[in-house]
Every structure is written in structure tokens, then in C-alpha cells.
Amino acid sequence: MSVYTPAAVNASGCTSPGCACRGRKPAYPSDLADAEWLVLEGEARAVMAELVTVAGRPMVHDLRAVLDAIVM
């Protein structure tokens, strides 16, 4: 069972087949609030850009959804 509710099937732009990570609605109390995401987004994107440059493959999933999954 998916914890993300898609806004529309594959309208998210995520390149992973069947993924709805960008069209998600918060499902858990630990999911980042919009205000929390605004604080973390710049640093999180900078860290991921550095990792992708060093280690290769670009991300296909939404970074906010990945952080929500890790914190869960």
C-alpha cells in the first residue's frame, strides 16, 4: 500500500515507473510541514547535488518525499 496519494497518475514528472512521490499528500505526523521544508530545502538540494556529482546517477524521486521516508 502506498503512503502517497497521487494527484494524477504519472503527472508528477517522476521517472520511476508507477511512482507518485511528487503528487503526494502528507500521510504521517513525521512528514515535513511546508515551513520545515522551506528551511531544509536549500541545504538538502546542495548536499544531493554534491553526492550526484561525486557518485553518479541522478535522482528520479522527489527529494522531499525521500526525506519524509527517511524520517518516518
Protein backbone atom coordinates (compact mmCIF):
# COMPACT_ATOMS: atom_id res chain seq x y z
CA MET A 1 0.00 0.00 0.00
CA SER A 2 1.40 3.36 -1.00
CA VAL A 3 1.70 6.13 1.58
CA TYR A 4 1.42 8.74 -1.16
CA THR A 5 -1.84 9.74 -2.77
CA PRO A 6 -1.18 10.79 -6.36
CA ALA A 7 -2.77 13.98 -7.65
CA ALA A 8 -2.85 12.38 -11.11
CA VAL A 9 -1.32 9.23 -12.50
CA ASN A 10 2.27 9.91 -13.61
CA ALA A 11 1.66 13.67 -13.78
CA SER A 12 4.37 14.09 -11.16
CA GLY A 13 7.24 14.02 -13.58
CA CYS A 14 8.99 11.30 -11.57
CA THR A 15 10.81 9.00 -13.95
CA SER A 16 10.36 5.90 -11.80
CA PRO A 17 7.51 3.79 -13.26
CA GLY A 18 4.35 3.87 -11.15
CA CYS A 19 5.77 6.33 -8.62
CA ALA A 20 3.58 9.08 -7.20
CA CYS A 21 6.17 10.73 -4.96
CA ARG A 22 5.71 14.27 -6.27
CA GLY A 23 1.92 14.23 -6.16
CA ARG A 24 1.82 13.14 -2.55
CA LYS A 25 -0.18 14.35 0.40
CA PRO A 26 1.28 14.15 3.91
CA ALA A 27 0.40 10.77 5.41
CA TYR A 28 2.35 10.63 8.68
CA PRO A 29 2.81 13.08 11.56
CA SER A 30 6.56 12.97 10.87
CA ASP A 31 6.17 14.24 7.28
CA LEU A 32 7.79 17.63 6.76
CA ALA A 33 5.49 20.63 7.03
CA ASP A 34 5.81 23.28 4.30
CA ALA A 35 7.62 25.63 6.70
CA GLU A 36 10.09 22.90 7.70
CA TRP A 37 10.74 22.06 4.05
CA LEU A 38 11.45 25.72 3.25
CA VAL A 39 14.16 25.72 5.92
CA LEU A 40 15.73 22.42 4.82
CA GLU A 41 15.31 22.50 1.04
CA GLY A 42 18.35 24.59 0.08
CA GLU A 43 20.79 22.57 2.18
CA ALA A 44 19.25 19.23 1.17
CA ARG A 45 19.48 20.07 -2.55
CA ALA A 46 23.09 21.24 -2.14
CA VAL A 47 24.08 18.01 -0.40
CA MET A 48 22.35 15.88 -3.05
CA ALA A 49 23.93 17.86 -5.91
CA GLU A 50 27.36 17.21 -4.39
CA LEU A 51 26.63 13.49 -3.98
CA VAL A 52 25.34 13.12 -7.53
CA THR A 53 28.42 14.89 -8.90
CA VAL A 54 30.72 12.56 -6.98
CA ALA A 55 28.84 9.26 -7.22
CA GLY A 56 26.95 9.45 -10.49
CA ARG A 57 23.30 8.65 -11.11
CA PRO A 58 20.74 11.50 -10.90
CA MET A 59 17.78 11.18 -8.54
CA VAL A 60 14.43 10.23 -10.03
CA HIS A 61 12.35 10.66 -6.86
CA ASP A 62 11.28 13.90 -5.23
CA LEU A 63 13.79 14.91 -2.52
CA ARG A 64 11.09 15.93 -0.05
CA ALA A 65 9.41 12.53 -0.38
CA VAL A 66 12.76 10.81 0.21
CA LEU A 67 13.37 12.84 3.37
CA ASP A 68 9.85 12.06 4.59
CA ALA A 69 10.57 8.35 4.08
CA ILE A 70 13.85 8.55 5.98
CA VAL A 71 12.33 10.39 8.95
CA MET A 72 9.35 8.06 9.07
